[in-house]
């Protein structure tokens, strides 16, 4: 995965008031870390209409 990519992620299981659904997320971890580690840091996207 490349930093800045938008990927769809199933955010299950939800905790507390979180909504369990598939949402677009932006990859924010560094590219080199994404190649080496088994964990990728993402930020879920949301919007209000």
C-alpha atoms as a PDB file:
ATOM      1  CA  UNK A   1       0.000   0.000   0.000  1.00  0.00           C
ATOM      2  CA  UNK A   2       1.203   3.483  -0.811  1.00  0.00           C
ATOM      3  CA  UNK A   3       0.853   6.459   1.533  1.00  0.00           C
ATOM      4  CA  UNK A   4      -2.063   8.650   0.429  1.00  0.00           C
ATOM      5  CA  UNK A   5      -3.961   5.779  -1.187  1.00  0.00           C
ATOM      6  CA  UNK A   6      -7.687   5.531  -0.532  1.00  0.00           C
ATOM      7  CA  UNK A   7      -8.766   1.992   0.330  1.00  0.00           C
ATOM      8  CA  UNK A   8     -12.077   0.452   1.417  1.00  0.00           C
ATOM      9  CA  UNK A   9     -11.865  -1.151   4.879  1.00  0.00           C
ATOM     10  CA  UNK A  10     -14.426  -3.230   6.795  1.00  0.00           C
ATOM     11  CA  UNK A  11     -14.330  -1.589  10.233  1.00  0.00           C
ATOM     12  CA  UNK A  12     -15.662  -4.549  12.195  1.00  0.00           C
ATOM     13  CA  UNK A  13     -16.016  -5.131  15.075  1.00  0.00           C
ATOM     14  CA  UNK A  14     -17.184  -1.729  16.228  1.00  0.00           C
ATOM     15  CA  UNK A  15     -16.542  -0.469  19.754  1.00  0.00           C
ATOM     16  CA  UNK A  16     -18.766   1.887  21.711  1.00  0.00           C
ATOM     17  CA  UNK A  17     -20.525   4.389  19.411  1.00  0.00           C
ATOM     18  CA  UNK A  18     -18.556   3.372  16.291  1.00  0.00           C
ATOM     19  CA  UNK A  19     -20.551   2.340  13.248  1.00  0.00           C
ATOM     20  CA  UNK A  20     -19.628  -1.138  11.935  1.00  0.00           C
ATOM     21  CA  UNK A  21     -19.517  -0.776   8.155  1.00  0.00           C
ATOM     22  CA  UNK A  22     -17.155  -0.607   5.209  1.00  0.00           C
ATOM     23  CA  UNK A  23     -15.727   2.887   4.770  1.00  0.00           C
ATOM     24  CA  UNK A  24     -13.095   4.589   2.634  1.00  0.00           C
ATOM     25  CA  UNK A  25      -9.831   5.196   4.481  1.00  0.00           C
ATOM     26  CA  UNK A  26      -6.579   7.008   3.668  1.00  0.00           C
ATOM     27  CA  UNK A  27      -3.265   5.224   4.252  1.00  0.00           C
ATOM     28  CA  UNK A  28      -1.074   7.515   6.403  1.00  0.00           C
ATOM     29  CA  UNK A  29       1.831   5.255   7.384  1.00  0.00           C
ATOM     30  CA  UNK A  30       5.122   5.571   5.502  1.00  0.00           C
ATOM     31  CA  UNK A  31       5.672   3.435   2.400  1.00  0.00           C
ATOM     32  CA  UNK A  32       8.746   1.699   3.839  1.00  0.00           C
ATOM     33  CA  UNK A  33       6.808   0.781   6.988  1.00  0.00           C
ATOM     34  CA  UNK A  34       3.956  -0.591   4.865  1.00  0.00           C
ATOM     35  CA  UNK A  35       6.409  -2.916   3.091  1.00  0.00           C
ATOM     36  CA  UNK A  36       7.997  -4.235   6.295  1.00  0.00           C
ATOM     37  CA  UNK A  37       5.268  -4.234   8.952  1.00  0.00           C
ATOM     38  CA  UNK A  38       2.096  -6.274   9.093  1.00  0.00           C
ATOM     39  CA  UNK A  39       0.165  -3.229  10.328  1.00  0.00           C
ATOM     40  CA  UNK A  40      -0.823  -0.231   8.195  1.00  0.00           C
ATOM     41  CA  UNK A  41      -1.995   3.044   9.764  1.00  0.00           C
ATOM     42  CA  UNK A  42      -5.191   4.425   8.206  1.00  0.00           C
ATOM     43  CA  UNK A  43      -7.633   7.268   8.816  1.00  0.00           C
ATOM     44  CA  UNK A  44     -11.319   6.585   8.140  1.00  0.00           C
ATOM     45  CA  UNK A  45     -13.108   9.179   6.024  1.00  0.00           C
ATOM     46  CA  UNK A  46     -16.577  10.540   6.716  1.00  0.00           C
ATOM     47  CA  UNK A  47     -18.717  13.471   5.714  1.00  0.00           C
ATOM     48  CA  UNK A  48     -21.986  15.175   6.638  1.00  0.00           C
ATOM     49  CA  UNK A  49     -24.601  16.025   4.062  1.00  0.00           C
END
